[in-house]
All heavy atoms as atom14 arrays in JSON, in Angstrom:
{
  "sequence": "AITSGGSTNYADSVKDRVTISRDNAKSAVYLLMNSRKPEDTAV",
  "atom14_mask": [
    [1, 1, 1, 1, 1, 0, 0, 0, 0, 0, 0, 0, 0, 0],
    [1, 1, 1, 1, 1, 1, 1, 1, 0, 0, 0, 0, 0, 0],
    [1, 1, 1, 1, 1, 1, 1, 0, 0, 0, 0, 0, 0, 0],
    [1, 1, 1, 1, 1, 1, 0, 0, 0, 0, 0, 0, 0, 0],
    [1, 1, 1, 1, 0, 0, 0, 0, 0, 0, 0, 0, 0, 0],
    [1, 1, 1, 1, 0, 0, 0, 0, 0, 0, 0, 0, 0, 0],
    [1, 1, 1, 1, 1, 1, 0, 0, 0, 0, 0, 0, 0, 0],
    [1, 1, 1, 1, 1, 1, 1, 0, 0, 0, 0, 0, 0, 0],
    [1, 1, 1, 1, 1, 1, 1, 1, 0, 0, 0, 0, 0, 0],
    [1, 1, 1, 1, 1, 1, 1, 1, 1, 1, 1, 1, 0, 0],
    [1, 1, 1, 1, 1, 0, 0, 0, 0, 0, 0, 0, 0, 0],
    [1, 1, 1, 1, 1, 1, 1, 1, 0, 0, 0, 0, 0, 0],
    [1, 1, 1, 1, 1, 1, 0, 0, 0, 0, 0, 0, 0, 0],
    [1, 1, 1, 1, 1, 1, 1, 0, 0, 0, 0, 0, 0, 0],
    [1, 1, 1, 1, 1, 1, 1, 1, 1, 0, 0, 0, 0, 0],
    [1, 1, 1, 1, 1, 1, 1, 1, 0, 0, 0, 0, 0, 0],
    [1, 1, 1, 1, 1, 1, 1, 1, 1, 1, 1, 0, 0, 0],
    [1, 1, 1, 1, 1, 1, 1, 0, 0, 0, 0, 0, 0, 0],
    [1, 1, 1, 1, 1, 1, 1, 0, 0, 0, 0, 0, 0, 0],
    [1, 1, 1, 1, 1, 1, 1, 1, 0, 0, 0, 0, 0, 0],
    [1, 1, 1, 1, 1, 1, 0, 0, 0, 0, 0, 0, 0, 0],
    [1, 1, 1, 1, 1, 1, 1, 1, 1, 1, 1, 0, 0, 0],
    [1, 1, 1, 1, 1, 1, 1, 1, 0, 0, 0, 0, 0, 0],
    [1, 1, 1, 1, 1, 1, 1, 1, 0, 0, 0, 0, 0, 0],
    [1, 1, 1, 1, 1, 0, 0, 0, 0, 0, 0, 0, 0, 0],
    [1, 1, 1, 1, 1, 1, 1, 1, 1, 0, 0, 0, 0, 0],
    [1, 1, 1, 1, 1, 1, 0, 0, 0, 0, 0, 0, 0, 0],
    [1, 1, 1, 1, 1, 0, 0, 0, 0, 0, 0, 0, 0, 0],
    [1, 1, 1, 1, 1, 1, 1, 0, 0, 0, 0, 0, 0, 0],
    [1, 1, 1, 1, 1, 1, 1, 1, 1, 1, 1, 1, 0, 0],
    [1, 1, 1, 1, 1, 1, 1, 1, 0, 0, 0, 0, 0, 0],
    [1, 1, 1, 1, 1, 1, 1, 1, 0, 0, 0, 0, 0, 0],
    [1, 1, 1, 1, 1, 1, 1, 1, 0, 0, 0, 0, 0, 0],
    [1, 1, 1, 1, 1, 1, 1, 1, 0, 0, 0, 0, 0, 0],
    [1, 1, 1, 1, 1, 1, 0, 0, 0, 0, 0, 0, 0, 0],
    [1, 1, 1, 1, 1, 1, 1, 1, 1, 1, 1, 0, 0, 0],
    [1, 1, 1, 1, 1, 1, 1, 1, 1, 0, 0, 0, 0, 0],
    [1, 1, 1, 1, 1, 1, 1, 0, 0, 0, 0, 0, 0, 0],
    [1, 1, 1, 1, 1, 1, 1, 1, 1, 0, 0, 0, 0, 0],
    [1, 1, 1, 1, 1, 1, 1, 1, 0, 0, 0, 0, 0, 0],
    [1, 1, 1, 1, 1, 1, 1, 0, 0, 0, 0, 0, 0, 0],
    [1, 1, 1, 1, 1, 0, 0, 0, 0, 0, 0, 0, 0, 0],
    [1, 1, 1, 1, 1, 1, 1, 0, 0, 0, 0, 0, 0, 0]
  ],
  "atom14_positions": [
    [[18.47, -17.04, -14.19], [19.75, -17.59, -13.75], [19.74, -19.08, -14.0], [18.68, -19.75, -14.02], [19.92, -17.33, -12.23], [0.0, 0.0, 0.0], [0.0, 0.0, 0.0], [0.0, 0.0, 0.0], [0.0, 0.0, 0.0], [0.0, 0.0, 0.0], [0.0, 0.0, 0.0], [0.0, 0.0, 0.0], [0.0, 0.0, 0.0], [0.0, 0.0, 0.0]],
    [[21.0, -19.59, -14.2], [21.1, -21.05, -14.35], [22.35, -21.45, -13.67], [23.41, -20.84, -13.74], [21.19, -21.37, -15.91], [21.27, -22.91, -16.09], [22.38, -20.58, -16.56], [21.02, -23.31, -17.55], [0.0, 0.0, 0.0], [0.0, 0.0, 0.0], [0.0, 0.0, 0.0], [0.0, 0.0, 0.0], [0.0, 0.0, 0.0], [0.0, 0.0, 0.0]],
    [[22.21, -22.54, -12.84], [23.34, -23.07, -12.04], [24.24, -23.93, -12.93], [23.87, -24.25, -14.05], [22.83, -23.81, -10.83], [22.26, -25.03, -11.3], [21.68, -23.05, -10.04], [0.0, 0.0, 0.0], [0.0, 0.0, 0.0], [0.0, 0.0, 0.0], [0.0, 0.0, 0.0], [0.0, 0.0, 0.0], [0.0, 0.0, 0.0], [0.0, 0.0, 0.0]],
    [[25.34, -24.35, -12.28], [26.25, -25.24, -13.02], [25.59, -26.61, -13.28], [26.03, -27.27, -14.21], [27.49, -25.39, -12.15], [27.29, -26.04, -10.9], [0.0, 0.0, 0.0], [0.0, 0.0, 0.0], [0.0, 0.0, 0.0], [0.0, 0.0, 0.0], [0.0, 0.0, 0.0], [0.0, 0.0, 0.0], [0.0, 0.0, 0.0], [0.0, 0.0, 0.0]],
    [[24.59, -26.94, -12.47], [23.85, -28.21, -12.71], [22.71, -28.1, -13.64], [21.99, -29.09, -13.93], [0.0, 0.0, 0.0], [0.0, 0.0, 0.0], [0.0, 0.0, 0.0], [0.0, 0.0, 0.0], [0.0, 0.0, 0.0], [0.0, 0.0, 0.0], [0.0, 0.0, 0.0], [0.0, 0.0, 0.0], [0.0, 0.0, 0.0], [0.0, 0.0, 0.0]],
    [[22.38, -26.87, -14.12], [21.33, -26.59, -15.07], [19.99, -26.24, -14.47], [19.04, -26.06, -15.19], [0.0, 0.0, 0.0], [0.0, 0.0, 0.0], [0.0, 0.0, 0.0], [0.0, 0.0, 0.0], [0.0, 0.0, 0.0], [0.0, 0.0, 0.0], [0.0, 0.0, 0.0], [0.0, 0.0, 0.0], [0.0, 0.0, 0.0], [0.0, 0.0, 0.0]],
    [[19.93, -26.09, -13.22], [18.74, -25.54, -12.63], [18.51, -24.03, -12.93], [19.46, -23.32, -12.98], [18.75, -25.73, -11.13], [18.8, -27.09, -10.68], [0.0, 0.0, 0.0], [0.0, 0.0, 0.0], [0.0, 0.0, 0.0], [0.0, 0.0, 0.0], [0.0, 0.0, 0.0], [0.0, 0.0, 0.0], [0.0, 0.0, 0.0], [0.0, 0.0, 0.0]],
    [[17.34, -23.72, -13.22], [16.94, -22.31, -13.67], [15.97, -21.69, -12.78], [15.19, -22.34, -12.02], [16.45, -22.32, -15.15], [15.21, -23.1, -15.17], [17.4, -22.97, -16.07], [0.0, 0.0, 0.0], [0.0, 0.0, 0.0], [0.0, 0.0, 0.0], [0.0, 0.0, 0.0], [0.0, 0.0, 0.0], [0.0, 0.0, 0.0], [0.0, 0.0, 0.0]],
    [[16.0, -20.34, -12.81], [14.95, -19.56, -12.18], [14.75, -18.31, -12.94], [15.69, -17.76, -13.61], [15.23, -19.29, -10.66], [16.38, -18.37, -10.39], [17.5, -18.61, -10.7], [16.07, -17.16, -9.96], [0.0, 0.0, 0.0], [0.0, 0.0, 0.0], [0.0, 0.0, 0.0], [0.0, 0.0, 0.0], [0.0, 0.0, 0.0], [0.0, 0.0, 0.0]],
    [[13.61, -17.82, -12.89], [13.17, -16.63, -13.7], [12.47, -15.59, -12.89], [11.72, -15.9, -11.94], [12.28, -17.04, -14.8], [12.9, -17.97, -15.79], [12.7, -19.39, -15.66], [13.68, -17.64, -16.85], [13.26, -20.28, -16.44], [14.26, -18.58, -17.76], [14.07, -19.91, -17.48], [14.65, -20.81, -18.35], [0.0, 0.0, 0.0], [0.0, 0.0, 0.0]],
    [[12.67, -14.39, -13.21], [11.85, -13.36, -12.65], [10.36, -13.58, -12.99], [10.04, -13.99, -14.22], [12.2, -11.96, -13.11], [0.0, 0.0, 0.0], [0.0, 0.0, 0.0], [0.0, 0.0, 0.0], [0.0, 0.0, 0.0], [0.0, 0.0, 0.0], [0.0, 0.0, 0.0], [0.0, 0.0, 0.0], [0.0, 0.0, 0.0], [0.0, 0.0, 0.0]],
    [[9.46, -13.19, -12.11], [8.02, -13.43, -12.35], [7.52, -12.71, -13.62], [6.68, -13.1, -14.35], [7.14, -13.0, -11.17], [7.23, -13.96, -10.02], [7.69, -15.09, -10.15], [6.98, -13.52, -8.82], [0.0, 0.0, 0.0], [0.0, 0.0, 0.0], [0.0, 0.0, 0.0], [0.0, 0.0, 0.0], [0.0, 0.0, 0.0], [0.0, 0.0, 0.0]],
    [[8.15, -11.49, -13.86], [7.68, -10.67, -14.96], [8.04, -11.27, -16.36], [7.42, -10.81, -17.28], [8.3, -9.27, -14.86], [9.73, -9.39, -14.84], [0.0, 0.0, 0.0], [0.0, 0.0, 0.0], [0.0, 0.0, 0.0], [0.0, 0.0, 0.0], [0.0, 0.0, 0.0], [0.0, 0.0, 0.0], [0.0, 0.0, 0.0], [0.0, 0.0, 0.0]],
    [[8.91, -12.24, -16.36], [9.41, -12.75, -17.69], [9.26, -14.26, -17.77], [9.53, -14.82, -18.89], [10.79, -12.34, -17.99], [10.96, -10.85, -17.92], [11.82, -12.96, -17.02], [0.0, 0.0, 0.0], [0.0, 0.0, 0.0], [0.0, 0.0, 0.0], [0.0, 0.0, 0.0], [0.0, 0.0, 0.0], [0.0, 0.0, 0.0], [0.0, 0.0, 0.0]],
    [[8.92, -15.01, -16.73], [9.1, -16.41, -16.68], [8.3, -17.13, -17.76], [8.58, -18.24, -18.15], [8.78, -16.99, -15.27], [7.36, -16.69, -14.87], [7.24, -17.25, -13.4], [5.82, -17.08, -12.87], [5.71, -17.58, -11.46], [0.0, 0.0, 0.0], [0.0, 0.0, 0.0], [0.0, 0.0, 0.0], [0.0, 0.0, 0.0], [0.0, 0.0, 0.0]],
    [[7.16, -16.57, -18.21], [6.36, -17.21, -19.24], [6.87, -16.98, -20.62], [6.43, -17.54, -21.54], [4.9, -16.66, -19.15], [4.22, -17.14, -17.88], [4.57, -18.14, -17.3], [3.31, -16.39, -17.42], [0.0, 0.0, 0.0], [0.0, 0.0, 0.0], [0.0, 0.0, 0.0], [0.0, 0.0, 0.0], [0.0, 0.0, 0.0], [0.0, 0.0, 0.0]],
    [[7.86, -16.09, -20.76], [8.36, -15.73, -22.01], [9.82, -15.93, -22.31], [10.37, -15.66, -23.33], [8.06, -14.19, -22.27], [6.58, -13.86, -22.15], [6.41, -12.34, -22.39], [6.98, -11.53, -21.28], [7.82, -10.55, -21.43], [8.28, -10.31, -22.65], [8.24, -9.89, -20.45], [0.0, 0.0, 0.0], [0.0, 0.0, 0.0], [0.0, 0.0, 0.0]],
    [[10.58, -16.36, -21.27], [11.99, -16.49, -21.3], [12.49, -17.82, -21.02], [11.96, -18.61, -20.32], [12.6, -15.53, -20.21], [14.01, -15.75, -20.0], [12.4, -13.99, -20.67], [0.0, 0.0, 0.0], [0.0, 0.0, 0.0], [0.0, 0.0, 0.0], [0.0, 0.0, 0.0], [0.0, 0.0, 0.0], [0.0, 0.0, 0.0], [0.0, 0.0, 0.0]],
    [[13.65, -18.14, -21.76], [14.34, -19.37, -21.57], [15.9, -19.07, -21.49], [16.39, -18.42, -22.31], [14.13, -20.32, -22.66], [12.74, -20.71, -22.84], [14.9, -21.64, -22.38], [0.0, 0.0, 0.0], [0.0, 0.0, 0.0], [0.0, 0.0, 0.0], [0.0, 0.0, 0.0], [0.0, 0.0, 0.0], [0.0, 0.0, 0.0], [0.0, 0.0, 0.0]],
    [[16.48, -19.49, -20.35], [17.91, -19.37, -20.25], [18.46, -20.73, -20.4], [17.99, -21.8, -19.98], [18.31, -18.79, -18.84], [19.81, -18.54, -18.91], [17.87, -19.62, -17.74], [20.27, -17.67, -17.63], [0.0, 0.0, 0.0], [0.0, 0.0, 0.0], [0.0, 0.0, 0.0], [0.0, 0.0, 0.0], [0.0, 0.0, 0.0], [0.0, 0.0, 0.0]],
    [[19.63, -20.83, -21.07], [20.33, -22.09, -21.3], [21.84, -21.82, -21.36], [22.29, -20.66, -21.44], [19.82, -22.65, -22.7], [20.16, -21.86, -23.77], [0.0, 0.0, 0.0], [0.0, 0.0, 0.0], [0.0, 0.0, 0.0], [0.0, 0.0, 0.0], [0.0, 0.0, 0.0], [0.0, 0.0, 0.0], [0.0, 0.0, 0.0], [0.0, 0.0, 0.0]],
    [[22.56, -22.96, -21.26], [24.05, -22.86, -21.34], [24.62, -23.98, -22.11], [24.05, -25.07, -22.29], [24.6, -22.81, -19.93], [24.43, -24.15, -19.09], [24.8, -23.89, -17.67], [26.27, -23.6, -17.49], [26.72, -22.99, -16.41], [25.93, -22.62, -15.42], [28.05, -22.7, -16.32], [0.0, 0.0, 0.0], [0.0, 0.0, 0.0], [0.0, 0.0, 0.0]],
    [[25.7, -23.63, -22.7], [26.51, -24.7, -23.44], [27.88, -24.68, -22.88], [28.69, -23.77, -23.23], [26.47, -24.37, -24.96], [27.1, -25.39, -25.77], [27.98, -26.22, -25.24], [26.83, -25.5, -27.01], [0.0, 0.0, 0.0], [0.0, 0.0, 0.0], [0.0, 0.0, 0.0], [0.0, 0.0, 0.0], [0.0, 0.0, 0.0], [0.0, 0.0, 0.0]],
    [[28.23, -25.58, -21.99], [29.53, -25.54, -21.32], [30.68, -25.85, -22.36], [31.74, -25.29, -22.1], [29.54, -26.63, -20.28], [28.64, -26.3, -19.08], [28.37, -25.18, -18.88], [28.24, -27.34, -18.25], [0.0, 0.0, 0.0], [0.0, 0.0, 0.0], [0.0, 0.0, 0.0], [0.0, 0.0, 0.0], [0.0, 0.0, 0.0], [0.0, 0.0, 0.0]],
    [[30.38, -26.65, -23.26], [31.45, -26.85, -24.34], [31.85, -25.49, -25.01], [33.08, -25.43, -25.46], [31.02, -27.82, -25.4], [0.0, 0.0, 0.0], [0.0, 0.0, 0.0], [0.0, 0.0, 0.0], [0.0, 0.0, 0.0], [0.0, 0.0, 0.0], [0.0, 0.0, 0.0], [0.0, 0.0, 0.0], [0.0, 0.0, 0.0], [0.0, 0.0, 0.0]],
    [[30.95, -24.68, -25.21], [31.23, -23.31, -25.76], [31.42, -22.2, -24.82], [31.71, -21.02, -25.17], [30.06, -22.91, -26.78], [29.9, -23.87, -27.87], [28.8, -23.34, -28.78], [28.57, -24.29, -29.99], [27.43, -23.83, -30.81], [0.0, 0.0, 0.0], [0.0, 0.0, 0.0], [0.0, 0.0, 0.0], [0.0, 0.0, 0.0], [0.0, 0.0, 0.0]],
    [[31.38, -22.48, -23.55], [31.53, -21.54, -22.45], [30.5, -20.31, -22.68], [30.97, -19.18, -22.67], [32.87, -21.08, -22.34], [33.78, -22.09, -21.94], [0.0, 0.0, 0.0], [0.0, 0.0, 0.0], [0.0, 0.0, 0.0], [0.0, 0.0, 0.0], [0.0, 0.0, 0.0], [0.0, 0.0, 0.0], [0.0, 0.0, 0.0], [0.0, 0.0, 0.0]],
    [[29.32, -20.67, -23.01], [28.36, -19.63, -23.41], [26.97, -19.82, -22.57], [26.62, -20.93, -22.26], [28.09, -19.65, -24.85], [0.0, 0.0, 0.0], [0.0, 0.0, 0.0], [0.0, 0.0, 0.0], [0.0, 0.0, 0.0], [0.0, 0.0, 0.0], [0.0, 0.0, 0.0], [0.0, 0.0, 0.0], [0.0, 0.0, 0.0], [0.0, 0.0, 0.0]],
    [[26.3, -18.71, -22.45], [25.05, -18.78, -21.81], [24.08, -17.96, -22.74], [24.58, -16.92, -23.36], [24.98, -18.26, -20.4], [25.39, -16.79, -20.33], [23.58, -18.48, -19.75], [0.0, 0.0, 0.0], [0.0, 0.0, 0.0], [0.0, 0.0, 0.0], [0.0, 0.0, 0.0], [0.0, 0.0, 0.0], [0.0, 0.0, 0.0], [0.0, 0.0, 0.0]],
    [[22.81, -18.32, -22.89], [21.92, -17.76, -23.75], [20.62, -17.34, -23.12], [20.28, -18.02, -22.01], [21.55, -18.62, -24.91], [22.77, -19.24, -25.6], [23.23, -20.53, -25.22], [23.49, -18.55, -26.61], [24.36, -20.98, -25.89], [24.55, -19.02, -27.24], [25.02, -20.28, -26.88], [26.09, -20.78, -27.46], [0.0, 0.0, 0.0], [0.0, 0.0, 0.0]],
    [[20.03, -16.3, -23.61], [18.72, -15.83, -23.11], [17.77, -15.68, -24.32], [18.05, -14.76, -25.19], [18.8, -14.57, -22.3], [17.52, -14.0, -21.72], [17.08, -14.92, -20.49], [17.56, -12.6, -21.24], [0.0, 0.0, 0.0], [0.0, 0.0, 0.0], [0.0, 0.0, 0.0], [0.0, 0.0, 0.0], [0.0, 0.0, 0.0], [0.0, 0.0, 0.0]],
    [[16.77, -16.44, -24.38], [15.76, -16.3, -25.42], [14.44, -15.74, -24.85], [13.91, -16.3, -23.84], [15.5, -17.62, -26.11], [14.31, -17.6, -27.16], [14.71, -16.76, -28.32], [14.0, -19.1, -27.54], [0.0, 0.0, 0.0], [0.0, 0.0, 0.0], [0.0, 0.0, 0.0], [0.0, 0.0, 0.0], [0.0, 0.0, 0.0], [0.0, 0.0, 0.0]],
    [[14.03, -14.62, -25.26], [12.79, -14.01, -24.89], [11.78, -13.87, -25.99], [12.14, -13.15, -27.0], [13.14, -12.63, -24.19], [11.86, -11.89, -23.69], [12.19, -10.38, -22.85], [12.76, -10.96, -21.3], [0.0, 0.0, 0.0], [0.0, 0.0, 0.0], [0.0, 0.0, 0.0], [0.0, 0.0, 0.0], [0.0, 0.0, 0.0], [0.0, 0.0, 0.0]],
    [[10.69, -14.45, -25.86], [9.68, -14.33, -26.8], [8.61, -13.24, -26.29], [8.62, -12.79, -25.25], [8.86, -15.63, -26.92], [9.84, -16.68, -27.51], [10.55, -16.49, -28.38], [9.77, -17.87, -26.89], [0.0, 0.0, 0.0], [0.0, 0.0, 0.0], [0.0, 0.0, 0.0], [0.0, 0.0, 0.0], [0.0, 0.0, 0.0], [0.0, 0.0, 0.0]],
    [[7.7, -12.83, -27.28], [6.65, -11.92, -26.97], [7.26, -10.7, -26.23], [6.72, -10.27, -25.22], [5.62, -12.54, -26.09], [5.0, -13.71, -26.76], [0.0, 0.0, 0.0], [0.0, 0.0, 0.0], [0.0, 0.0, 0.0], [0.0, 0.0, 0.0], [0.0, 0.0, 0.0], [0.0, 0.0, 0.0], [0.0, 0.0, 0.0], [0.0, 0.0, 0.0]],
    [[8.11, -10.08, -26.85], [8.83, -8.9, -26.24], [7.83, -7.76, -26.12], [6.98, -7.57, -27.0], [10.0, -8.48, -27.18], [11.19, -9.4, -27.18], [12.1, -9.06, -26.01], [13.35, -9.93, -26.01], [14.44, -9.71, -25.28], [14.36, -8.76, -24.38], [15.45, -10.48, -25.43], [0.0, 0.0, 0.0], [0.0, 0.0, 0.0], [0.0, 0.0, 0.0]],
    [[7.95, -7.07, -24.99], [7.13, -5.94, -24.68], [8.04, -4.71, -24.52], [9.15, -4.77, -24.31], [6.4, -6.21, -23.4], [5.55, -7.51, -23.38], [4.88, -7.71, -21.99], [4.04, -9.0, -22.02], [3.46, -9.19, -20.67], [0.0, 0.0, 0.0], [0.0, 0.0, 0.0], [0.0, 0.0, 0.0], [0.0, 0.0, 0.0], [0.0, 0.0, 0.0]],
    [[7.34, -3.52, -24.75], [8.13, -2.27, -24.6], [8.83, -2.2, -23.21], [9.9, -1.61, -23.17], [7.08, -1.22, -24.78], [6.06, -1.83, -25.66], [6.01, -3.28, -25.22], [0.0, 0.0, 0.0], [0.0, 0.0, 0.0], [0.0, 0.0, 0.0], [0.0, 0.0, 0.0], [0.0, 0.0, 0.0], [0.0, 0.0, 0.0], [0.0, 0.0, 0.0]],
    [[8.19, -2.7, -22.2], [8.84, -2.62, -20.86], [10.07, -3.51, -20.71], [10.72, -3.5, -19.71], [7.83, -2.95, -19.79], [7.04, -4.3, -20.04], [5.7, -4.04, -20.62], [5.57, -3.34, -21.58], [4.8, -4.78, -20.25], [0.0, 0.0, 0.0], [0.0, 0.0, 0.0], [0.0, 0.0, 0.0], [0.0, 0.0, 0.0], [0.0, 0.0, 0.0]],
    [[10.31, -4.39, -21.75], [11.52, -5.19, -21.75], [12.7, -4.42, -22.24], [13.89, -4.94, -22.17], [11.37, -6.45, -22.62], [10.37, -7.36, -22.09], [10.26, -7.59, -20.89], [9.69, -7.98, -22.96], [0.0, 0.0, 0.0], [0.0, 0.0, 0.0], [0.0, 0.0, 0.0], [0.0, 0.0, 0.0], [0.0, 0.0, 0.0], [0.0, 0.0, 0.0]],
    [[12.51, -3.15, -22.66], [13.66, -2.34, -23.16], [14.56, -2.1, -21.92], [14.17, -1.57, -20.95], [13.13, -1.01, -23.7], [12.32, -1.27, -24.9], [14.19, -0.05, -24.07], [0.0, 0.0, 0.0], [0.0, 0.0, 0.0], [0.0, 0.0, 0.0], [0.0, 0.0, 0.0], [0.0, 0.0, 0.0], [0.0, 0.0, 0.0], [0.0, 0.0, 0.0]],
    [[15.8, -2.31, -22.19], [16.78, -2.23, -21.12], [18.26, -2.63, -21.62], [18.3, -3.16, -22.74], [16.46, -3.18, -19.85], [0.0, 0.0, 0.0], [0.0, 0.0, 0.0], [0.0, 0.0, 0.0], [0.0, 0.0, 0.0], [0.0, 0.0, 0.0], [0.0, 0.0, 0.0], [0.0, 0.0, 0.0], [0.0, 0.0, 0.0], [0.0, 0.0, 0.0]],
    [[19.21, -2.37, -20.83], [20.51, -2.84, -21.08], [20.55, -4.23, -20.32], [20.28, -4.23, -19.14], [21.65, -1.93, -20.58], [22.94, -2.59, -20.83], [21.6, -0.65, -21.32], [0.0, 0.0, 0.0], [0.0, 0.0, 0.0], [0.0, 0.0, 0.0], [0.0, 0.0, 0.0], [0.0, 0.0, 0.0], [0.0, 0.0, 0.0], [0.0, 0.0, 0.0]]
  ]
}
């Protein structure tokens, strides 16, 4: 999750592999996950 002020928090299971970011000018939020594991399979 990322707040309007840019503060972030992550689930323990992914925090070492994930980055969330936002671009307010584009009204967009992004999730980058490295070192994907089979257990990351999900919607």
